[in-house]
């Protein structure tokens, strides 16, 4: 079996993803250590205003670490700038098609008249068939 070589951009993304994971683990460890020290200080009777503020900030930081360093969110941020213009154009086309499908979901048989001669579907207000020029005013 042959291994496919990774492109330099993919290697860079993988490295950034790995570094962000390591950074989040280190930050979590530091914040938990500081939070434990503050709780121990509270248990020994210290209750200064700055200690309370630091404890609250550390707790809030621990809350936001999983949100900021969520692996899906990190991958999404890393891939955001790597989209090619063709894929963007394709997504615009997909949106237009989806919009048209939604509009066509309100289809009713009164909006289309089938030509009795060739069977072509014409809009209801046309007087002649767009395909064979048969007179549709009957």
C-alpha atoms as a PDB file:
ATOM      1  CA  UNK A   1       0.000   0.000   0.000  1.00  0.00           C
ATOM      2  CA  UNK A   2       1.237   3.463  -0.863  1.00  0.00           C
ATOM      3  CA  UNK A   3       0.769   6.429   1.357  1.00  0.00           C
ATOM      4  CA  UNK A   4      -0.375   9.655  -0.241  1.00  0.00           C
ATOM      5  CA  UNK A   5       1.837  12.615   0.545  1.00  0.00           C
ATOM      6  CA  UNK A   6       0.167  15.474   2.364  1.00  0.00           C
ATOM      7  CA  UNK A   7       0.278  18.914   0.807  1.00  0.00           C
ATOM      8  CA  UNK A   8       2.162  21.656   2.671  1.00  0.00           C
ATOM      9  CA  UNK A   9      -1.112  23.474   3.382  1.00  0.00           C
ATOM     10  CA  UNK A  10      -2.627  20.366   4.922  1.00  0.00           C
ATOM     11  CA  UNK A  11       0.492  19.786   7.026  1.00  0.00           C
ATOM     12  CA  UNK A  12       0.304  23.387   8.240  1.00  0.00           C
ATOM     13  CA  UNK A  13      -3.392  22.991   9.141  1.00  0.00           C
ATOM     14  CA  UNK A  14      -2.691  19.748  11.002  1.00  0.00           C
ATOM     15  CA  UNK A  15       0.172  21.415  12.881  1.00  0.00           C
ATOM     16  CA  UNK A  16      -2.023  24.400  13.831  1.00  0.00           C
ATOM     17  CA  UNK A  17      -4.793  22.042  14.936  1.00  0.00           C
ATOM     18  CA  UNK A  18      -2.317  20.069  17.055  1.00  0.00           C
ATOM     19  CA  UNK A  19      -0.846  23.250  18.581  1.00  0.00           C
ATOM     20  CA  UNK A  20      -4.287  24.613  19.445  1.00  0.00           C
ATOM     21  CA  UNK A  21      -5.134  21.318  21.173  1.00  0.00           C
ATOM     22  CA  UNK A  22      -1.899  21.405  23.181  1.00  0.00           C
ATOM     23  CA  UNK A  23      -2.435  25.083  24.051  1.00  0.00           C
ATOM     24  CA  UNK A  24      -5.971  24.397  25.273  1.00  0.00           C
ATOM     25  CA  UNK A  25      -4.742  21.543  27.486  1.00  0.00           C
ATOM     26  CA  UNK A  26      -1.959  23.670  28.979  1.00  0.00           C
ATOM     27  CA  UNK A  27      -4.334  26.596  29.540  1.00  0.00           C
ATOM     28  CA  UNK A  28      -6.854  24.293  31.212  1.00  0.00           C
ATOM     29  CA  UNK A  29      -4.177  22.851  33.496  1.00  0.00           C
ATOM     30  CA  UNK A  30      -2.924  26.325  34.482  1.00  0.00           C
ATOM     31  CA  UNK A  31      -6.424  27.642  35.185  1.00  0.00           C
ATOM     32  CA  UNK A  32      -7.373  24.606  37.268  1.00  0.00           C
ATOM     33  CA  UNK A  33      -4.136  24.937  39.272  1.00  0.00           C
ATOM     34  CA  UNK A  34      -4.790  28.630  39.940  1.00  0.00           C
ATOM     35  CA  UNK A  35      -8.405  27.937  40.822  1.00  0.00           C
ATOM     36  CA  UNK A  36      -7.358  25.264  43.348  1.00  0.00           C
ATOM     37  CA  UNK A  37      -4.861  27.693  44.921  1.00  0.00           C
ATOM     38  CA  UNK A  38      -7.574  30.355  45.242  1.00  0.00           C
ATOM     39  CA  UNK A  39      -9.999  27.890  46.819  1.00  0.00           C
ATOM     40  CA  UNK A  40      -7.317  26.865  49.315  1.00  0.00           C
ATOM     41  CA  UNK A  41      -6.725  30.541  50.096  1.00  0.00           C
ATOM     42  CA  UNK A  42     -10.471  30.948  50.724  1.00  0.00           C
ATOM     43  CA  UNK A  43     -10.445  27.951  53.035  1.00  0.00           C
ATOM     44  CA  UNK A  44      -7.601  29.540  55.071  1.00  0.00           C
ATOM     45  CA  UNK A  45      -9.648  32.686  55.618  1.00  0.00           C
ATOM     46  CA  UNK A  46      -8.376  35.040  52.914  1.00  0.00           C
ATOM     47  CA  UNK A  47     -11.176  36.918  51.167  1.00  0.00           C
ATOM     48  CA  UNK A  48      -9.712  39.943  49.420  1.00  0.00           C
ATOM     49  CA  UNK A  49     -11.576  41.519  46.514  1.00  0.00           C
ATOM     50  CA  UNK A  50      -8.825  40.736  44.023  1.00  0.00           C
ATOM     51  CA  UNK A  51      -8.834  37.046  45.027  1.00  0.00           C
ATOM     52  CA  UNK A  52     -12.569  36.851  44.380  1.00  0.00           C
ATOM     53  CA  UNK A  53     -12.180  38.548  40.989  1.00  0.00           C
ATOM     54  CA  UNK A  54      -9.308  36.226  39.996  1.00  0.00           C
ATOM     55  CA  UNK A  55     -11.338  33.187  41.019  1.00  0.00           C
ATOM     56  CA  UNK A  56     -14.324  34.332  38.971  1.00  0.00           C
ATOM     57  CA  UNK A  57     -12.142  35.078  35.921  1.00  0.00           C
ATOM     58  CA  UNK A  58     -10.501  31.660  36.145  1.00  0.00           C
ATOM     59  CA  UNK A  59     -13.879  29.934  36.398  1.00  0.00           C
ATOM     60  CA  UNK A  60     -15.184  31.887  33.388  1.00  0.00           C
ATOM     61  CA  UNK A  61     -11.993  31.016  31.469  1.00  0.00           C
ATOM     62  CA  UNK A  62     -12.505  27.326  32.225  1.00  0.00           C
ATOM     63  CA  UNK A  63     -16.046  27.635  30.926  1.00  0.00           C
ATOM     64  CA  UNK A  64     -14.953  29.205  27.607  1.00  0.00           C
ATOM     65  CA  UNK A  65     -11.977  26.918  26.827  1.00  0.00           C
ATOM     66  CA  UNK A  66     -14.129  24.108  25.356  1.00  0.00           C
ATOM     67  CA  UNK A  67     -16.072  26.638  23.309  1.00  0.00           C
ATOM     68  CA  UNK A  68     -12.992  28.364  21.865  1.00  0.00           C
ATOM     69  CA  UNK A  69     -10.881  25.252  21.338  1.00  0.00           C
ATOM     70  CA  UNK A  70     -13.640  22.913  20.176  1.00  0.00           C
ATOM     71  CA  UNK A  71     -12.016  20.696  17.501  1.00  0.00           C
ATOM     72  CA  UNK A  72     -14.875  21.262  15.039  1.00  0.00           C
ATOM     73  CA  UNK A  73     -14.704  25.029  15.481  1.00  0.00           C
ATOM     74  CA  UNK A  74     -10.911  25.047  15.096  1.00  0.00           C
ATOM     75  CA  UNK A  75     -11.117  22.995  11.883  1.00  0.00           C
ATOM     76  CA  UNK A  76     -13.829  25.307  10.575  1.00  0.00           C
ATOM     77  CA  UNK A  77     -11.693  28.396  11.264  1.00  0.00           C
ATOM     78  CA  UNK A  78      -8.665  26.767   9.615  1.00  0.00           C
ATOM     79  CA  UNK A  79     -10.678  25.737   6.538  1.00  0.00           C
ATOM     80  CA  UNK A  80     -12.536  29.030   6.200  1.00  0.00           C
ATOM     81  CA  UNK A  81      -9.813  30.722   4.160  1.00  0.00           C
ATOM     82  CA  UNK A  82      -8.927  27.705   2.037  1.00  0.00           C
ATOM     83  CA  UNK A  83     -12.116  27.569  -0.052  1.00  0.00           C
ATOM     84  CA  UNK A  84     -11.515  27.957  -3.741  1.00  0.00           C
ATOM     85  CA  UNK A  85     -13.543  30.482  -5.752  1.00  0.00           C
ATOM     86  CA  UNK A  86     -15.058  27.630  -7.768  1.00  0.00           C
ATOM     87  CA  UNK A  87     -16.515  26.028  -4.664  1.00  0.00           C
ATOM     88  CA  UNK A  88     -18.000  29.379  -3.624  1.00  0.00           C
ATOM     89  CA  UNK A  89     -19.574  29.801  -7.050  1.00  0.00           C
ATOM     90  CA  UNK A  90     -20.923  26.283  -6.795  1.00  0.00           C
ATOM     91  CA  UNK A  91     -22.418  27.024  -3.407  1.00  0.00           C
ATOM     92  CA  UNK A  92     -24.073  30.171  -4.843  1.00  0.00           C
ATOM     93  CA  UNK A  93     -25.498  28.060  -7.652  1.00  0.00           C
ATOM     94  CA  UNK A  94     -26.731  25.520  -5.126  1.00  0.00           C
ATOM     95  CA  UNK A  95     -28.464  28.311  -3.209  1.00  0.00           C
ATOM     96  CA  UNK A  96     -30.176  29.560  -6.360  1.00  0.00           C
ATOM     97  CA  UNK A  97     -31.337  26.059  -7.208  1.00  0.00           C
ATOM     98  CA  UNK A  98     -32.628  25.543  -3.686  1.00  0.00           C
ATOM     99  CA  UNK A  99     -34.486  28.844  -3.908  1.00  0.00           C
ATOM    100  CA  UNK A 100     -36.073  27.791  -7.207  1.00  0.00           C
ATOM    101  CA  UNK A 101     -37.060  24.438  -5.763  1.00  0.00           C
ATOM    102  CA  UNK A 102     -38.728  26.186  -2.846  1.00  0.00           C
ATOM    103  CA  UNK A 103     -40.651  28.394  -5.263  1.00  0.00           C
ATOM    104  CA  UNK A 104     -41.645  25.390  -7.340  1.00  0.00           C
ATOM    105  CA  UNK A 105     -42.881  23.644  -4.226  1.00  0.00           C
ATOM    106  CA  UNK A 106     -45.929  25.914  -4.519  1.00  0.00           C
ATOM    107  CA  UNK A 107     -46.724  24.371  -7.876  1.00  0.00           C
ATOM    108  CA  UNK A 108     -50.330  24.108  -8.870  1.00  0.00           C
ATOM    109  CA  UNK A 109     -51.663  22.583 -12.098  1.00  0.00           C
ATOM    110  CA  UNK A 110     -53.338  25.866 -13.090  1.00  0.00           C
ATOM    111  CA  UNK A 111     -49.963  27.502 -13.717  1.00  0.00           C
ATOM    112  CA  UNK A 112     -48.996  25.152 -16.564  1.00  0.00           C
ATOM    113  CA  UNK A 113     -50.862  24.287 -19.749  1.00  0.00           C
ATOM    114  CA  UNK A 114     -49.805  21.162 -21.606  1.00  0.00           C
ATOM    115  CA  UNK A 115     -49.833  21.467 -25.398  1.00  0.00           C
ATOM    116  CA  UNK A 116     -52.292  18.948 -26.877  1.00  0.00           C
ATOM    117  CA  UNK A 117     -50.170  18.581 -30.027  1.00  0.00           C
ATOM    118  CA  UNK A 118     -46.616  18.038 -28.669  1.00  0.00           C
ATOM    119  CA  UNK A 119     -47.116  17.694 -24.880  1.00  0.00           C
ATOM    120  CA  UNK A 120     -44.795  20.628 -24.013  1.00  0.00           C
ATOM    121  CA  UNK A 121     -45.463  22.382 -20.671  1.00  0.00           C
ATOM    122  CA  UNK A 122     -46.219  26.071 -21.262  1.00  0.00           C
ATOM    123  CA  UNK A 123     -47.059  28.841 -18.790  1.00  0.00           C
ATOM    124  CA  UNK A 124     -50.811  29.285 -18.386  1.00  0.00           C
ATOM    125  CA  UNK A 125     -50.978  32.771 -19.941  1.00  0.00           C
ATOM    126  CA  UNK A 126     -49.296  31.865 -23.252  1.00  0.00           C
ATOM    127  CA  UNK A 127     -51.419  31.893 -26.383  1.00  0.00           C
ATOM    128  CA  UNK A 128     -49.215  29.646 -28.501  1.00  0.00           C
ATOM    129  CA  UNK A 129     -46.989  26.670 -27.651  1.00  0.00           C
ATOM    130  CA  UNK A 130     -43.328  27.616 -27.219  1.00  0.00           C
ATOM    131  CA  UNK A 131     -42.269  24.320 -28.785  1.00  0.00           C
ATOM    132  CA  UNK A 132     -44.533  23.787 -31.827  1.00  0.00           C
ATOM    133  CA  UNK A 133     -46.450  27.124 -32.146  1.00  0.00           C
ATOM    134  CA  UNK A 134     -49.821  25.401 -31.750  1.00  0.00           C
ATOM    135  CA  UNK A 135     -52.660  27.803 -30.848  1.00  0.00           C
ATOM    136  CA  UNK A 136     -53.497  27.269 -27.172  1.00  0.00           C
ATOM    137  CA  UNK A 137     -56.571  29.601 -27.133  1.00  0.00           C
ATOM    138  CA  UNK A 138     -59.394  27.113 -27.218  1.00  0.00           C
END
